[in-house]
Amino acid sequence: NIAMGASVVSILITVPVLLILAYAKGIHLMLDFNPLQIGALIITVILAWKSTEEGHTNYFEGLSHLMFFVCYAIIAAYY
């Protein structure tokens, strides 16, 4: 799937560049995640994997992803 490939490449380029820029500017940037963020990351990876497994998605799958991210945003706001 081209969307998943583009997302992975974007992450693999962006994160190291940001870490190098932060180090060059003297900013201590840590990738220290709390359990809620790790859980959300794992669930997001599973959702993306299961959604793209068939090679196509539908409206319901997109809506379920949107609802997950809205719920996560609400939980993160109060966490």
C-alpha atoms as a PDB file:
ATOM      1  CA  ASN A   1       0.000   0.000   0.000  1.00  0.00           C
ATOM      2  CA  ILE A   2       1.506   3.289  -1.087  1.00  0.00           C
ATOM      3  CA  ALA A   3       0.031   5.278   1.812  1.00  0.00           C
ATOM      4  CA  MET A   4       1.612   3.013   4.418  1.00  0.00           C
ATOM      5  CA  GLY A   5       4.952   3.089   2.615  1.00  0.00           C
ATOM      6  CA  ALA A   6       4.924   6.871   2.422  1.00  0.00           C
ATOM      7  CA  SER A   7       4.061   7.127   6.115  1.00  0.00           C
ATOM      8  CA  VAL A   8       6.886   4.824   7.135  1.00  0.00           C
ATOM      9  CA  VAL A   9       9.420   6.673   4.991  1.00  0.00           C
ATOM     10  CA  SER A  10       8.238   9.985   6.400  1.00  0.00           C
ATOM     11  CA  ILE A  11       8.713   8.767   9.967  1.00  0.00           C
ATOM     12  CA  LEU A  12      12.087   7.187   9.237  1.00  0.00           C
ATOM     13  CA  ILE A  13      13.343  10.492   7.838  1.00  0.00           C
ATOM     14  CA  THR A  14      11.655  12.972  10.181  1.00  0.00           C
ATOM     15  CA  VAL A  15      12.499  11.500  13.592  1.00  0.00           C
ATOM     16  CA  PRO A  16      16.282  11.211  13.122  1.00  0.00           C
ATOM     17  CA  VAL A  17      16.449  14.677  11.543  1.00  0.00           C
ATOM     18  CA  LEU A  18      14.553  16.194  14.475  1.00  0.00           C
ATOM     19  CA  LEU A  19      16.788  14.406  16.971  1.00  0.00           C
ATOM     20  CA  ILE A  20      19.934  15.654  15.209  1.00  0.00           C
ATOM     21  CA  LEU A  21      18.602  19.225  15.032  1.00  0.00           C
ATOM     22  CA  ALA A  22      17.649  19.157  18.711  1.00  0.00           C
ATOM     23  CA  TYR A  23      21.093  17.854  19.645  1.00  0.00           C
ATOM     24  CA  ALA A  24      22.772  20.541  17.520  1.00  0.00           C
ATOM     25  CA  LYS A  25      20.760  23.278  19.252  1.00  0.00           C
ATOM     26  CA  GLY A  26      21.426  21.857  22.716  1.00  0.00           C
ATOM     27  CA  ILE A  27      17.843  20.768  23.335  1.00  0.00           C
ATOM     28  CA  HIS A  28      17.491  17.558  25.317  1.00  0.00           C
ATOM     29  CA  LEU A  29      14.872  15.644  23.323  1.00  0.00           C
ATOM     30  CA  MET A  30      13.859  12.303  24.763  1.00  0.00           C
ATOM     31  CA  LEU A  31      11.595   9.727  23.208  1.00  0.00           C
ATOM     32  CA  ASP A  32      10.171   8.786  26.591  1.00  0.00           C
ATOM     33  CA  PHE A  33       6.577   7.606  26.215  1.00  0.00           C
ATOM     34  CA  ASN A  34       4.093   6.935  28.988  1.00  0.00           C
ATOM     35  CA  PRO A  35       2.014   3.718  29.017  1.00  0.00           C
ATOM     36  CA  LEU A  36      -1.011   5.440  27.453  1.00  0.00           C
ATOM     37  CA  GLN A  37       1.038   6.589  24.477  1.00  0.00           C
ATOM     38  CA  ILE A  38       2.637   3.174  24.025  1.00  0.00           C
ATOM     39  CA  GLY A  39      -0.781   1.509  24.142  1.00  0.00           C
ATOM     40  CA  ALA A  40      -2.191   3.966  21.615  1.00  0.00           C
ATOM     41  CA  LEU A  41       0.786   3.377  19.335  1.00  0.00           C
ATOM     42  CA  ILE A  42       0.330  -0.389  19.475  1.00  0.00           C
ATOM     43  CA  ILE A  43      -3.411  -0.137  18.829  1.00  0.00           C
ATOM     44  CA  THR A  44      -2.789   2.278  15.945  1.00  0.00           C
ATOM     45  CA  VAL A  45      -0.312  -0.107  14.337  1.00  0.00           C
ATOM     46  CA  ILE A  46      -2.756  -2.998  14.701  1.00  0.00           C
ATOM     47  CA  LEU A  47      -5.622  -0.929  13.245  1.00  0.00           C
ATOM     48  CA  ALA A  48      -3.517   0.165  10.277  1.00  0.00           C
ATOM     49  CA  TRP A  49      -2.292  -3.378   9.699  1.00  0.00           C
ATOM     50  CA  LYS A  50      -5.765  -4.918   9.804  1.00  0.00           C
ATOM     51  CA  SER A  51      -7.274  -2.160   7.653  1.00  0.00           C
ATOM     52  CA  THR A  52      -4.719  -2.425   4.879  1.00  0.00           C
ATOM     53  CA  GLU A  53      -4.421  -6.205   4.983  1.00  0.00           C
ATOM     54  CA  GLU A  54      -7.132  -6.651   2.347  1.00  0.00           C
ATOM     55  CA  GLY A  55      -5.760  -3.967   0.058  1.00  0.00           C
ATOM     56  CA  HIS A  56      -8.775  -1.678   0.309  1.00  0.00           C
ATOM     57  CA  THR A  57     -10.705   0.148   2.990  1.00  0.00           C
ATOM     58  CA  ASN A  58     -14.250   1.352   3.323  1.00  0.00           C
ATOM     59  CA  TYR A  59     -16.158   4.142   5.013  1.00  0.00           C
ATOM     60  CA  PHE A  60     -16.766   2.170   8.201  1.00  0.00           C
ATOM     61  CA  GLU A  61     -13.073   1.430   8.709  1.00  0.00           C
ATOM     62  CA  GLY A  62     -12.184   5.074   8.199  1.00  0.00           C
ATOM     63  CA  LEU A  63     -14.875   6.144  10.627  1.00  0.00           C
ATOM     64  CA  SER A  64     -13.671   3.652  13.223  1.00  0.00           C
ATOM     65  CA  HIS A  65     -10.134   5.052  12.910  1.00  0.00           C
ATOM     66  CA  LEU A  66     -11.441   8.578  13.306  1.00  0.00           C
ATOM     67  CA  MET A  67     -13.431   7.607  16.402  1.00  0.00           C
ATOM     68  CA  PHE A  68     -10.359   5.929  17.904  1.00  0.00           C
ATOM     69  CA  PHE A  69      -8.263   9.044  17.436  1.00  0.00           C
ATOM     70  CA  VAL A  70     -11.010  11.279  18.847  1.00  0.00           C
ATOM     71  CA  CYS A  71     -11.266   9.022  21.913  1.00  0.00           C
ATOM     72  CA  TYR A  72      -7.493   9.045  22.303  1.00  0.00           C
ATOM     73  CA  ALA A  73      -7.410  12.848  22.052  1.00  0.00           C
ATOM     74  CA  ILE A  74     -10.063  13.146  24.759  1.00  0.00           C
ATOM     75  CA  ILE A  75      -8.239  10.697  27.035  1.00  0.00           C
ATOM     76  CA  ALA A  76      -4.885  12.411  26.417  1.00  0.00           C
ATOM     77  CA  ALA A  77      -6.390  15.803  27.256  1.00  0.00           C
ATOM     78  CA  TYR A  78      -7.425  14.582  30.706  1.00  0.00           C
ATOM     79  CA  TYR A  79      -4.482  12.244  31.377  1.00  0.00           C
END
